[in-house]
Amino acid sequence: MIKRIALIALVGFVMISCGQVKEQQNEVAEYQKISELVSEPLEYEGKEVNFEGVITHICQHSGDKMRVNQVDDSDFSILVMLEEFQPQINAEFEGKHVKITGLVKTVVNNMEELEHEHEGEEGHECSSTEEAVSLMAERGITPEIGAYVELKGFEVVEQEEAEVEEVEVEVEEEAVEVAETTEAGAGC
């Protein structure tokens, strides 16, 4: 009797565990476009994001950053700080398609205009981008906010994987064309 209860408890535990694993597998990370990150940087500030892109430049001087362009629109790019991944990424990665996970950070690019307003006062350091933006708004200065990403994880997307996706789309299109050209009652 005790063996049966233990066996039922074990089976129940396994079923519950499997259900949780499936839930975790079903949670697919949402990917943002780089254009969204750079257009609305304050919306993403301090948040972990996922995005895809092509590495177009790796800094050869410091080796601590790279530029990633949006896959479908190279007009949009974002700076990625490599952090602890610096030893894993080198110039050979330029031109590679990558999936990135990272933390969005913002910076006010025209802070010198706000600092100019504070001349003669004791130095002013803003503790956040939002504080700097608020102070600039009070003084009639339009802030230029830039975004960058602190790298938390990456995956190089192999060319074959990208090509397979293209082939699947082409095959689906061909199947649709064949279905449209076949007349009812014709063929085998």
C-alpha atoms as a PDB file:
ATOM      1  CA  MET A   1       0.000   0.000   0.000  1.00  0.00           C
ATOM      2  CA  ILE A   2       2.782   2.438   0.899  1.00  0.00           C
ATOM      3  CA  LYS A   3       4.562   1.548  -2.350  1.00  0.00           C
ATOM      4  CA  ARG A   4       1.426   2.408  -4.332  1.00  0.00           C
ATOM      5  CA  ILE A   5       1.059   5.774  -2.597  1.00  0.00           C
ATOM      6  CA  ALA A   6       4.737   6.528  -3.171  1.00  0.00           C
ATOM      7  CA  LEU A   7       4.414   5.496  -6.821  1.00  0.00           C
ATOM      8  CA  ILE A   8       1.303   7.673  -7.310  1.00  0.00           C
ATOM      9  CA  ALA A   9       3.072  10.616  -5.634  1.00  0.00           C
ATOM     10  CA  LEU A  10       6.122  10.114  -7.859  1.00  0.00           C
ATOM     11  CA  VAL A  11       3.993   9.947 -11.023  1.00  0.00           C
ATOM     12  CA  GLY A  12       2.112  13.082  -9.933  1.00  0.00           C
ATOM     13  CA  PHE A  13       5.376  14.919  -9.275  1.00  0.00           C
ATOM     14  CA  VAL A  14       6.746  13.944 -12.693  1.00  0.00           C
ATOM     15  CA  MET A  15       3.547  15.094 -14.422  1.00  0.00           C
ATOM     16  CA  ILE A  16       3.613  18.439 -12.636  1.00  0.00           C
ATOM     17  CA  SER A  17       7.302  18.893 -13.454  1.00  0.00           C
ATOM     18  CA  CYS A  18       6.739  18.089 -17.129  1.00  0.00           C
ATOM     19  CA  GLY A  19       3.904  20.596 -17.273  1.00  0.00           C
ATOM     20  CA  GLN A  20       6.164  23.314 -15.904  1.00  0.00           C
ATOM     21  CA  VAL A  21       8.899  22.497 -18.419  1.00  0.00           C
ATOM     22  CA  LYS A  22       6.384  22.766 -21.276  1.00  0.00           C
ATOM     23  CA  GLU A  23       5.203  26.145 -19.956  1.00  0.00           C
ATOM     24  CA  GLN A  24       8.783  27.403 -19.856  1.00  0.00           C
ATOM     25  CA  GLN A  25       9.449  26.108 -23.379  1.00  0.00           C
ATOM     26  CA  ASN A  26       6.277  27.809 -24.649  1.00  0.00           C
ATOM     27  CA  GLU A  27       7.483  31.160 -23.332  1.00  0.00           C
ATOM     28  CA  VAL A  28       9.226  32.431 -26.439  1.00  0.00           C
ATOM     29  CA  ALA A  29      11.304  35.529 -25.962  1.00  0.00           C
ATOM     30  CA  GLU A  30       9.783  38.508 -27.739  1.00  0.00           C
ATOM     31  CA  TYR A  31      12.205  40.146 -30.163  1.00  0.00           C
ATOM     32  CA  GLN A  32      12.230  43.900 -30.591  1.00  0.00           C
ATOM     33  CA  LYS A  33      13.484  45.642 -33.692  1.00  0.00           C
ATOM     34  CA  ILE A  34      16.528  47.840 -33.281  1.00  0.00           C
ATOM     35  CA  SER A  35      14.469  50.690 -34.763  1.00  0.00           C
ATOM     36  CA  GLU A  36      12.105  50.422 -31.767  1.00  0.00           C
ATOM     37  CA  LEU A  37      14.972  50.516 -29.271  1.00  0.00           C
ATOM     38  CA  VAL A  38      16.614  53.609 -30.751  1.00  0.00           C
ATOM     39  CA  SER A  39      13.350  55.443 -31.496  1.00  0.00           C
ATOM     40  CA  GLU A  40      11.873  55.036 -27.999  1.00  0.00           C
ATOM     41  CA  PRO A  41      14.926  54.516 -25.754  1.00  0.00           C
ATOM     42  CA  LEU A  42      13.276  55.715 -22.527  1.00  0.00           C
ATOM     43  CA  GLU A  43      10.527  53.111 -22.954  1.00  0.00           C
ATOM     44  CA  TYR A  44      13.136  50.340 -22.809  1.00  0.00           C
ATOM     45  CA  GLU A  45      15.626  51.891 -20.360  1.00  0.00           C
ATOM     46  CA  GLY A  46      16.717  49.401 -17.722  1.00  0.00           C
ATOM     47  CA  LYS A  47      14.803  46.543 -19.367  1.00  0.00           C
ATOM     48  CA  GLU A  48      16.213  43.318 -20.721  1.00  0.00           C
ATOM     49  CA  VAL A  49      15.472  42.972 -24.433  1.00  0.00           C
ATOM     50  CA  ASN A  50      16.048  40.503 -27.252  1.00  0.00           C
ATOM     51  CA  PHE A  51      16.799  41.512 -30.818  1.00  0.00           C
ATOM     52  CA  GLU A  52      18.466  40.257 -33.989  1.00  0.00           C
ATOM     53  CA  GLY A  53      20.939  42.000 -36.196  1.00  0.00           C
ATOM     54  CA  VAL A  54      24.132  41.900 -38.199  1.00  0.00           C
ATOM     55  CA  ILE A  55      27.428  42.865 -36.582  1.00  0.00           C
ATOM     56  CA  THR A  56      28.833  45.650 -38.745  1.00  0.00           C
ATOM     57  CA  HIS A  57      31.723  46.814 -36.571  1.00  0.00           C
ATOM     58  CA  ILE A  58      33.751  45.600 -33.613  1.00  0.00           C
ATOM     59  CA  CYS A  59      35.950  48.239 -32.008  1.00  0.00           C
ATOM     60  CA  GLN A  60      39.555  47.242 -32.655  1.00  0.00           C
ATOM     61  CA  HIS A  61      40.989  49.840 -30.254  1.00  0.00           C
ATOM     62  CA  SER A  62      39.236  48.911 -27.024  1.00  0.00           C
ATOM     63  CA  GLY A  63      37.525  45.687 -28.119  1.00  0.00           C
ATOM     64  CA  ASP A  64      34.741  46.391 -25.637  1.00  0.00           C
ATOM     65  CA  LYS A  65      31.902  47.297 -28.014  1.00  0.00           C
ATOM     66  CA  MET A  66      30.330  46.504 -31.349  1.00  0.00           C
ATOM     67  CA  ARG A  67      27.699  48.006 -33.622  1.00  0.00           C
ATOM     68  CA  VAL A  68      24.745  45.844 -34.688  1.00  0.00           C
ATOM     69  CA  ASN A  69      22.486  46.814 -37.618  1.00  0.00           C
ATOM     70  CA  GLN A  70      18.854  45.827 -37.984  1.00  0.00           C
ATOM     71  CA  VAL A  71      18.549  42.874 -40.372  1.00  0.00           C
ATOM     72  CA  ASP A  72      15.839  44.257 -42.656  1.00  0.00           C
ATOM     73  CA  ASP A  73      16.824  47.941 -42.464  1.00  0.00           C
ATOM     74  CA  SER A  74      20.498  48.859 -42.116  1.00  0.00           C
ATOM     75  CA  ASP A  75      19.578  52.498 -41.429  1.00  0.00           C
ATOM     76  CA  PHE A  76      19.015  51.454 -37.798  1.00  0.00           C
ATOM     77  CA  SER A  77      21.843  50.292 -35.584  1.00  0.00           C
ATOM     78  CA  ILE A  78      22.678  50.147 -31.897  1.00  0.00           C
ATOM     79  CA  LEU A  79      25.876  50.104 -29.880  1.00  0.00           C
ATOM     80  CA  VAL A  80      26.380  46.930 -27.835  1.00  0.00           C
ATOM     81  CA  MET A  81      28.803  46.962 -24.899  1.00  0.00           C
ATOM     82  CA  LEU A  82      30.405  43.509 -24.714  1.00  0.00           C
ATOM     83  CA  GLU A  83      31.002  43.462 -20.945  1.00  0.00           C
ATOM     84  CA  GLU A  84      32.247  39.994 -19.851  1.00  0.00           C
ATOM     85  CA  PHE A  85      31.735  38.634 -23.394  1.00  0.00           C
ATOM     86  CA  GLN A  86      34.642  40.712 -24.741  1.00  0.00           C
ATOM     87  CA  PRO A  87      37.086  37.755 -24.915  1.00  0.00           C
ATOM     88  CA  GLN A  88      34.545  35.704 -26.891  1.00  0.00           C
ATOM     89  CA  ILE A  89      33.993  38.209 -29.711  1.00  0.00           C
ATOM     90  CA  ASN A  90      36.611  39.279 -32.250  1.00  0.00           C
ATOM     91  CA  ALA A  91      36.883  40.840 -35.705  1.00  0.00           C
ATOM     92  CA  GLU A  92      35.897  37.543 -37.368  1.00  0.00           C
ATOM     93  CA  PHE A  93      32.343  38.135 -36.109  1.00  0.00           C
ATOM     94  CA  GLU A  94      31.851  41.173 -38.365  1.00  0.00           C
ATOM     95  CA  GLY A  95      29.129  40.422 -40.916  1.00  0.00           C
ATOM     96  CA  LYS A  96      27.599  37.655 -38.768  1.00  0.00           C
ATOM     97  CA  HIS A  97      23.883  37.508 -37.996  1.00  0.00           C
ATOM     98  CA  VAL A  98      23.358  37.400 -34.208  1.00  0.00           C
ATOM     99  CA  LYS A  99      20.579  37.131 -31.669  1.00  0.00           C
ATOM    100  CA  ILE A 100      21.278  39.406 -28.686  1.00  0.00           C
ATOM    101  CA  THR A 101      19.938  39.558 -25.153  1.00  0.00           C
ATOM    102  CA  GLY A 102      20.900  42.664 -23.227  1.00  0.00           C
ATOM    103  CA  LEU A 103      20.011  45.470 -20.892  1.00  0.00           C
ATOM    104  CA  VAL A 104      19.039  48.783 -22.511  1.00  0.00           C
ATOM    105  CA  LYS A 105      20.783  51.878 -21.147  1.00  0.00           C
ATOM    106  CA  THR A 106      20.245  55.464 -22.207  1.00  0.00           C
ATOM    107  CA  VAL A 107      22.454  58.503 -22.300  1.00  0.00           C
ATOM    108  CA  VAL A 108      21.764  62.156 -23.029  1.00  0.00           C
ATOM    109  CA  ASN A 109      24.113  63.019 -25.873  1.00  0.00           C
ATOM    110  CA  ASN A 110      23.869  66.807 -25.471  1.00  0.00           C
ATOM    111  CA  MET A 111      24.504  67.013 -21.697  1.00  0.00           C
ATOM    112  CA  GLU A 112      27.042  69.785 -22.298  1.00  0.00           C
ATOM    113  CA  GLU A 113      24.117  72.128 -23.061  1.00  0.00           C
ATOM    114  CA  LEU A 114      22.651  71.467 -19.604  1.00  0.00           C
ATOM    115  CA  GLU A 115      26.075  71.763 -17.989  1.00  0.00           C
ATOM    116  CA  HIS A 116      26.546  75.097 -19.798  1.00  0.00           C
ATOM    117  CA  GLU A 117      23.356  76.299 -18.053  1.00  0.00           C
ATOM    118  CA  HIS A 118      25.005  75.477 -14.703  1.00  0.00           C
ATOM    119  CA  GLU A 119      28.168  77.543 -15.238  1.00  0.00           C
ATOM    120  CA  GLY A 120      29.116  79.413 -12.119  1.00  0.00           C
ATOM    121  CA  GLU A 121      27.143  76.964  -9.971  1.00  0.00           C
ATOM    122  CA  GLU A 122      28.531  73.984  -8.132  1.00  0.00           C
ATOM    123  CA  GLY A 123      28.857  71.088 -10.622  1.00  0.00           C
ATOM    124  CA  HIS A 124      25.666  69.202 -11.374  1.00  0.00           C
ATOM    125  CA  GLU A 125      25.526  65.474 -12.015  1.00  0.00           C
ATOM    126  CA  CYS A 126      22.181  63.904 -12.927  1.00  0.00           C
ATOM    127  CA  SER A 127      21.590  60.501 -11.394  1.00  0.00           C
ATOM    128  CA  SER A 128      19.428  59.310 -14.307  1.00  0.00           C
ATOM    129  CA  THR A 129      18.574  60.062 -17.895  1.00  0.00           C
ATOM    130  CA  GLU A 130      15.038  60.954 -16.820  1.00  0.00           C
ATOM    131  CA  GLU A 131      16.361  63.559 -14.353  1.00  0.00           C
ATOM    132  CA  ALA A 132      18.558  65.091 -17.058  1.00  0.00           C
ATOM    133  CA  VAL A 133      15.637  65.143 -19.530  1.00  0.00           C
ATOM    134  CA  SER A 134      13.422  66.822 -16.928  1.00  0.00           C
ATOM    135  CA  LEU A 135      16.027  69.507 -16.190  1.00  0.00           C
ATOM    136  CA  MET A 136      16.570  70.134 -19.890  1.00  0.00           C
ATOM    137  CA  ALA A 137      12.818  70.495 -20.454  1.00  0.00           C
ATOM    138  CA  GLU A 138      12.653  73.059 -17.628  1.00  0.00           C
ATOM    139  CA  ARG A 139      15.358  75.087 -19.371  1.00  0.00           C
ATOM    140  CA  GLY A 140      13.900  74.729 -22.876  1.00  0.00           C
ATOM    141  CA  ILE A 141      16.611  72.367 -24.126  1.00  0.00           C
ATOM    142  CA  THR A 142      15.552  69.482 -26.349  1.00  0.00           C
ATOM    143  CA  PRO A 143      17.431  66.375 -25.199  1.00  0.00           C
ATOM    144  CA  GLU A 144      19.142  64.078 -27.669  1.00  0.00           C
ATOM    145  CA  ILE A 145      18.737  60.659 -26.085  1.00  0.00           C
ATOM    146  CA  GLY A 146      20.792  57.736 -27.285  1.00  0.00           C
ATOM    147  CA  ALA A 147      20.476  54.073 -26.409  1.00  0.00           C
ATOM    148  CA  TYR A 148      23.018  51.312 -26.048  1.00  0.00           C
ATOM    149  CA  VAL A 149      22.835  47.732 -24.824  1.00  0.00           C
ATOM    150  CA  GLU A 150      24.891  45.943 -22.181  1.00  0.00           C
ATOM    151  CA  LEU A 151      25.330  42.420 -23.570  1.00  0.00           C
ATOM    152  CA  LYS A 152      23.902  39.622 -21.396  1.00  0.00           C
ATOM    153  CA  GLY A 153      23.917  36.838 -23.979  1.00  0.00           C
ATOM    154  CA  PHE A 154      24.272  36.192 -27.698  1.00  0.00           C
ATOM    155  CA  GLU A 155      23.906  33.498 -30.306  1.00  0.00           C
ATOM    156  CA  VAL A 156      25.424  33.497 -33.776  1.00  0.00           C
ATOM    157  CA  VAL A 157      22.781  32.516 -36.324  1.00  0.00           C
ATOM    158  CA  GLU A 158      24.282  30.159 -38.845  1.00  0.00           C
ATOM    159  CA  GLN A 159      23.817  30.964 -42.526  1.00  0.00           C
ATOM    160  CA  GLU A 160      22.294  27.535 -43.166  1.00  0.00           C
ATOM    161  CA  GLU A 161      19.556  28.269 -40.608  1.00  0.00           C
ATOM    162  CA  ALA A 162      18.656  31.534 -42.352  1.00  0.00           C
ATOM    163  CA  GLU A 163      18.741  29.845 -45.766  1.00  0.00           C
ATOM    164  CA  VAL A 164      16.469  27.010 -44.560  1.00  0.00           C
ATOM    165  CA  GLU A 165      13.865  29.581 -43.471  1.00  0.00           C
ATOM    166  CA  GLU A 166      13.995  31.182 -46.942  1.00  0.00           C
ATOM    167  CA  VAL A 167      13.660  27.790 -48.660  1.00  0.00           C
ATOM    168  CA  GLU A 168      10.628  26.909 -46.513  1.00  0.00           C
ATOM    169  CA  VAL A 169       8.925  30.152 -47.543  1.00  0.00           C
ATOM    170  CA  GLU A 170       9.678  29.486 -51.211  1.00  0.00           C
ATOM    171  CA  VAL A 171       8.332  25.918 -50.967  1.00  0.00           C
ATOM    172  CA  GLU A 172       5.117  27.163 -49.357  1.00  0.00           C
ATOM    173  CA  GLU A 173       4.677  29.724 -52.151  1.00  0.00           C
ATOM    174  CA  GLU A 174       5.184  27.040 -54.818  1.00  0.00           C
ATOM    175  CA  ALA A 175       2.636  24.780 -53.148  1.00  0.00           C
ATOM    176  CA  VAL A 176       0.091  27.599 -53.206  1.00  0.00           C
ATOM    177  CA  GLU A 177       0.750  28.231 -56.900  1.00  0.00           C
ATOM    178  CA  VAL A 178       0.287  24.523 -57.726  1.00  0.00           C
ATOM    179  CA  ALA A 179      -2.954  24.364 -55.737  1.00  0.00           C
ATOM    180  CA  GLU A 180      -4.305  27.398 -57.577  1.00  0.00           C
ATOM    181  CA  THR A 181      -3.478  26.055 -61.056  1.00  0.00           C
ATOM    182  CA  THR A 182      -4.925  22.547 -60.500  1.00  0.00           C
ATOM    183  CA  GLU A 183      -8.506  22.252 -61.706  1.00  0.00           C
ATOM    184  CA  ALA A 184     -11.086  20.310 -59.726  1.00  0.00           C
ATOM    185  CA  GLY A 185     -11.313  16.709 -60.886  1.00  0.00           C
ATOM    186  CA  ALA A 186      -8.069  16.912 -62.893  1.00  0.00           C
ATOM    187  CA  GLY A 187      -4.941  14.897 -62.152  1.00  0.00           C
ATOM    188  CA  CYS A 188      -4.537  11.695 -60.151  1.00  0.00           C
END
